[in-house]
Each structure stands twice: as structure tokens, then as C-alpha cells.
Amino acid sequence: MRAELILKASALALTLGLCPMAASAQNLMGVRTIEPGDSNVTKIVKLGKDKSMVIELDRPAADIVITNPAIADATVQTAKRIIFRGIESGQTNAFIFDRDGNPLLNLEISVG
């Protein structure tokens, strides 16, 4: 009876995430989070309103996400060349990924 109670308590602890093993399961699932400005591929840039900058990448990009396209937008010239343009004053960021989903660049963009 006592062994059954311990087994049930252990199962409940795992379900609720109270054991270190449960927390590490997220890593085993391949979950990762990329926070703005929190990676080794982060670059802080300033753009003037209605001004552009050219980004040349070492590897081809497959996916570009701009958090607030009302502040800045991007035009893909080639898989390795992207042009960013400041639209309105403010801040946004852009994430650029390769075809395997690996981050190539995280731009922290300030337009003003």
C-alpha cells in the first residue's frame, strides 16, 4: 500500500513539473526560445525614417519575421541579401532563419 502511494505521488509530481526530470523533458523535446537581443546573432541597428540598410548574410535565409512591419519592412533581393527600410519612428525587431530553422540574425531595429 505504501509503495502504491509513493508511486502515485511520484507520478503526480512529474505531471505537475515538480521534479527536475520533468523540467528537462522540455529540452529533450527540442523546445528553444529566442528572446529579442538575447542571442549570439543579435545586432542593434538604427534606421532613419524612409532610409534603408542592406544586410549581407553568409548563409541563405529562408524565413524572415518582422515583429512590427508598421515600423520597418524588408525586401529580399537574394537569399543572402535583404534590404530593411525604416517606415515610422519606433522600435521593432526582425528574426532571420535558415531553411533548417536556425537563427542567422536577430536585428533590434530603432527607427527615428
C-alpha atoms as a PDB file:
ATOM      1  CA  MET A   1       0.000   0.000   0.000  1.00  0.00           C
ATOM      2  CA  ARG A   2       2.792   2.421   0.919  1.00  0.00           C
ATOM      3  CA  ALA A   3       4.657   1.658  -2.322  1.00  0.00           C
ATOM      4  CA  GLU A   4       1.485   2.366  -4.303  1.00  0.00           C
ATOM      5  CA  LEU A   5       1.087   5.723  -2.522  1.00  0.00           C
ATOM      6  CA  ILE A   6       4.714   6.689  -3.277  1.00  0.00           C
ATOM      7  CA  LEU A   7       4.245   5.701  -6.933  1.00  0.00           C
ATOM      8  CA  LYS A   8       1.104   7.833  -7.229  1.00  0.00           C
ATOM      9  CA  ALA A   9       2.799  10.800  -5.535  1.00  0.00           C
ATOM     10  CA  SER A  10       5.800  10.500  -7.882  1.00  0.00           C
ATOM     11  CA  ALA A  11       3.523  10.394 -10.929  1.00  0.00           C
ATOM     12  CA  LEU A  12       1.675  13.471  -9.688  1.00  0.00           C
ATOM     13  CA  ALA A  13       4.960  15.327  -9.076  1.00  0.00           C
ATOM     14  CA  LEU A  14       6.129  14.542 -12.612  1.00  0.00           C
ATOM     15  CA  THR A  15       2.797  15.654 -14.054  1.00  0.00           C
ATOM     16  CA  LEU A  16       2.917  18.951 -12.171  1.00  0.00           C
ATOM     17  CA  GLY A  17       6.532  19.576 -13.099  1.00  0.00           C
ATOM     18  CA  LEU A  18       7.826  19.408  -9.536  1.00  0.00           C
ATOM     19  CA  CYS A  19      10.774  17.156 -10.383  1.00  0.00           C
ATOM     20  CA  PRO A  20      13.921  18.250 -12.226  1.00  0.00           C
ATOM     21  CA  MET A  21      13.393  15.373 -14.647  1.00  0.00           C
ATOM     22  CA  ALA A  22      10.099  16.888 -15.819  1.00  0.00           C
ATOM     23  CA  ALA A  23      11.718  20.261 -16.427  1.00  0.00           C
ATOM     24  CA  SER A  24      14.485  18.744 -18.532  1.00  0.00           C
ATOM     25  CA  ALA A  25      11.893  16.974 -20.681  1.00  0.00           C
ATOM     26  CA  GLN A  26      11.264  20.254 -22.432  1.00  0.00           C
ATOM     27  CA  ASN A  27      14.864  20.250 -23.638  1.00  0.00           C
ATOM     28  CA  LEU A  28      14.534  16.656 -24.795  1.00  0.00           C
ATOM     29  CA  MET A  29      11.571  17.738 -26.916  1.00  0.00           C
ATOM     30  CA  GLY A  30      13.734  20.260 -28.759  1.00  0.00           C
ATOM     31  CA  VAL A  31      11.941  23.345 -27.440  1.00  0.00           C
ATOM     32  CA  ARG A  32      14.001  26.530 -27.536  1.00  0.00           C
ATOM     33  CA  THR A  33      13.154  30.163 -27.114  1.00  0.00           C
ATOM     34  CA  ILE A  34      14.913  33.067 -28.795  1.00  0.00           C
ATOM     35  CA  GLU A  35      14.324  36.306 -26.966  1.00  0.00           C
ATOM     36  CA  PRO A  36      14.943  39.669 -28.660  1.00  0.00           C
ATOM     37  CA  GLY A  37      18.533  40.749 -28.070  1.00  0.00           C
ATOM     38  CA  ASP A  38      19.339  37.502 -26.284  1.00  0.00           C
ATOM     39  CA  SER A  39      21.382  35.531 -28.809  1.00  0.00           C
ATOM     40  CA  ASN A  40      24.848  35.417 -30.292  1.00  0.00           C
ATOM     41  CA  VAL A  41      23.411  36.590 -33.631  1.00  0.00           C
ATOM     42  CA  THR A  42      21.903  39.840 -32.296  1.00  0.00           C
ATOM     43  CA  LYS A  43      22.743  43.166 -33.902  1.00  0.00           C
ATOM     44  CA  ILE A  44      21.363  46.540 -32.809  1.00  0.00           C
ATOM     45  CA  VAL A  45      20.745  48.921 -35.716  1.00  0.00           C
ATOM     46  CA  LYS A  46      19.349  52.419 -36.174  1.00  0.00           C
ATOM     47  CA  LEU A  47      17.464  53.422 -39.288  1.00  0.00           C
ATOM     48  CA  GLY A  48      16.198  56.816 -40.312  1.00  0.00           C
ATOM     49  CA  LYS A  49      12.595  57.145 -41.397  1.00  0.00           C
ATOM     50  CA  ASP A  50      12.422  56.376 -45.143  1.00  0.00           C
ATOM     51  CA  LYS A  51      16.051  55.186 -45.066  1.00  0.00           C
ATOM     52  CA  SER A  52      17.330  51.714 -45.926  1.00  0.00           C
ATOM     53  CA  MET A  53      20.154  49.388 -44.992  1.00  0.00           C
ATOM     54  CA  VAL A  54      21.465  46.321 -46.775  1.00  0.00           C
ATOM     55  CA  ILE A  55      22.152  43.110 -44.860  1.00  0.00           C
ATOM     56  CA  GLU A  56      24.519  40.608 -46.482  1.00  0.00           C
ATOM     57  CA  LEU A  57      24.339  37.117 -44.957  1.00  0.00           C
ATOM     58  CA  ASP A  58      26.957  34.354 -45.062  1.00  0.00           C
ATOM     59  CA  ARG A  59      24.272  31.681 -45.466  1.00  0.00           C
ATOM     60  CA  PRO A  60      20.955  31.766 -47.335  1.00  0.00           C
ATOM     61  CA  ALA A  61      17.888  32.927 -45.445  1.00  0.00           C
ATOM     62  CA  ALA A  62      14.622  31.032 -45.720  1.00  0.00           C
ATOM     63  CA  ASP A  63      12.353  32.869 -43.289  1.00  0.00           C
ATOM     64  CA  ILE A  64      12.143  36.483 -42.085  1.00  0.00           C
ATOM     65  CA  VAL A  65       9.839  37.642 -39.293  1.00  0.00           C
ATOM     66  CA  ILE A  66       9.397  41.351 -38.543  1.00  0.00           C
ATOM     67  CA  THR A  67       7.613  41.934 -35.258  1.00  0.00           C
ATOM     68  CA  ASN A  68       6.044  45.259 -36.237  1.00  0.00           C
ATOM     69  CA  PRO A  69       6.029  45.807 -40.022  1.00  0.00           C
ATOM     70  CA  ALA A  70       4.485  49.263 -39.482  1.00  0.00           C
ATOM     71  CA  ILE A  71       7.884  50.383 -38.081  1.00  0.00           C
ATOM     72  CA  ALA A  72      10.238  48.660 -40.566  1.00  0.00           C
ATOM     73  CA  ASP A  73       9.886  46.325 -43.505  1.00  0.00           C
ATOM     74  CA  ALA A  74      12.186  44.127 -45.551  1.00  0.00           C
ATOM     75  CA  THR A  75      12.692  43.310 -49.203  1.00  0.00           C
ATOM     76  CA  VAL A  76      14.514  40.103 -50.076  1.00  0.00           C
ATOM     77  CA  GLN A  77      16.824  40.751 -53.015  1.00  0.00           C
ATOM     78  CA  THR A  78      18.522  37.337 -52.911  1.00  0.00           C
ATOM     79  CA  ALA A  79      18.680  34.548 -50.332  1.00  0.00           C
ATOM     80  CA  LYS A  80      21.754  36.281 -48.881  1.00  0.00           C
ATOM     81  CA  ARG A  81      20.809  39.960 -49.375  1.00  0.00           C
ATOM     82  CA  ILE A  82      17.953  41.648 -47.520  1.00  0.00           C
ATOM     83  CA  ILE A  83      17.105  45.352 -47.550  1.00  0.00           C
ATOM     84  CA  PHE A  84      15.453  46.819 -44.448  1.00  0.00           C
ATOM     85  CA  ARG A  85      13.597  50.142 -44.612  1.00  0.00           C
ATOM     86  CA  GLY A  86      12.507  52.427 -41.783  1.00  0.00           C
ATOM     87  CA  ILE A  87       8.825  53.348 -42.109  1.00  0.00           C
ATOM     88  CA  GLU A  88       7.730  55.010 -38.844  1.00  0.00           C
ATOM     89  CA  SER A  89       9.518  56.113 -35.683  1.00  0.00           C
ATOM     90  CA  GLY A  90       9.652  53.375 -33.076  1.00  0.00           C
ATOM     91  CA  GLN A  91      11.275  50.067 -32.284  1.00  0.00           C
ATOM     92  CA  THR A  92      10.839  46.587 -33.676  1.00  0.00           C
ATOM     93  CA  ASN A  93      12.931  43.538 -34.313  1.00  0.00           C
ATOM     94  CA  ALA A  94      13.472  41.054 -37.095  1.00  0.00           C
ATOM     95  CA  PHE A  95      14.399  37.397 -36.918  1.00  0.00           C
ATOM     96  CA  ILE A  96      16.082  35.738 -39.897  1.00  0.00           C
ATOM     97  CA  PHE A  97      16.271  31.934 -40.066  1.00  0.00           C
ATOM     98  CA  ASP A  98      17.905  29.445 -42.424  1.00  0.00           C
ATOM     99  CA  ARG A  99      15.938  26.603 -44.016  1.00  0.00           C
ATOM    100  CA  ASP A 100      16.641  24.348 -41.014  1.00  0.00           C
ATOM    101  CA  GLY A 101      15.109  26.926 -38.657  1.00  0.00           C
ATOM    102  CA  ASN A 102      18.434  28.026 -37.198  1.00  0.00           C
ATOM    103  CA  PRO A 103      18.699  31.745 -36.397  1.00  0.00           C
ATOM    104  CA  LEU A 104      21.006  33.619 -38.753  1.00  0.00           C
ATOM    105  CA  LEU A 105      20.375  37.108 -37.413  1.00  0.00           C
ATOM    106  CA  ASN A 106      18.280  38.913 -34.817  1.00  0.00           C
ATOM    107  CA  LEU A 107      18.042  42.628 -35.631  1.00  0.00           C
ATOM    108  CA  GLU A 108      16.970  45.026 -32.909  1.00  0.00           C
ATOM    109  CA  ILE A 109      15.752  47.946 -35.067  1.00  0.00           C
ATOM    110  CA  SER A 110      15.235  51.500 -33.907  1.00  0.00           C
ATOM    111  CA  VAL A 111      13.685  53.887 -36.424  1.00  0.00           C
ATOM    112  CA  GLY A 112      13.773  57.600 -35.803  1.00  0.00           C
END
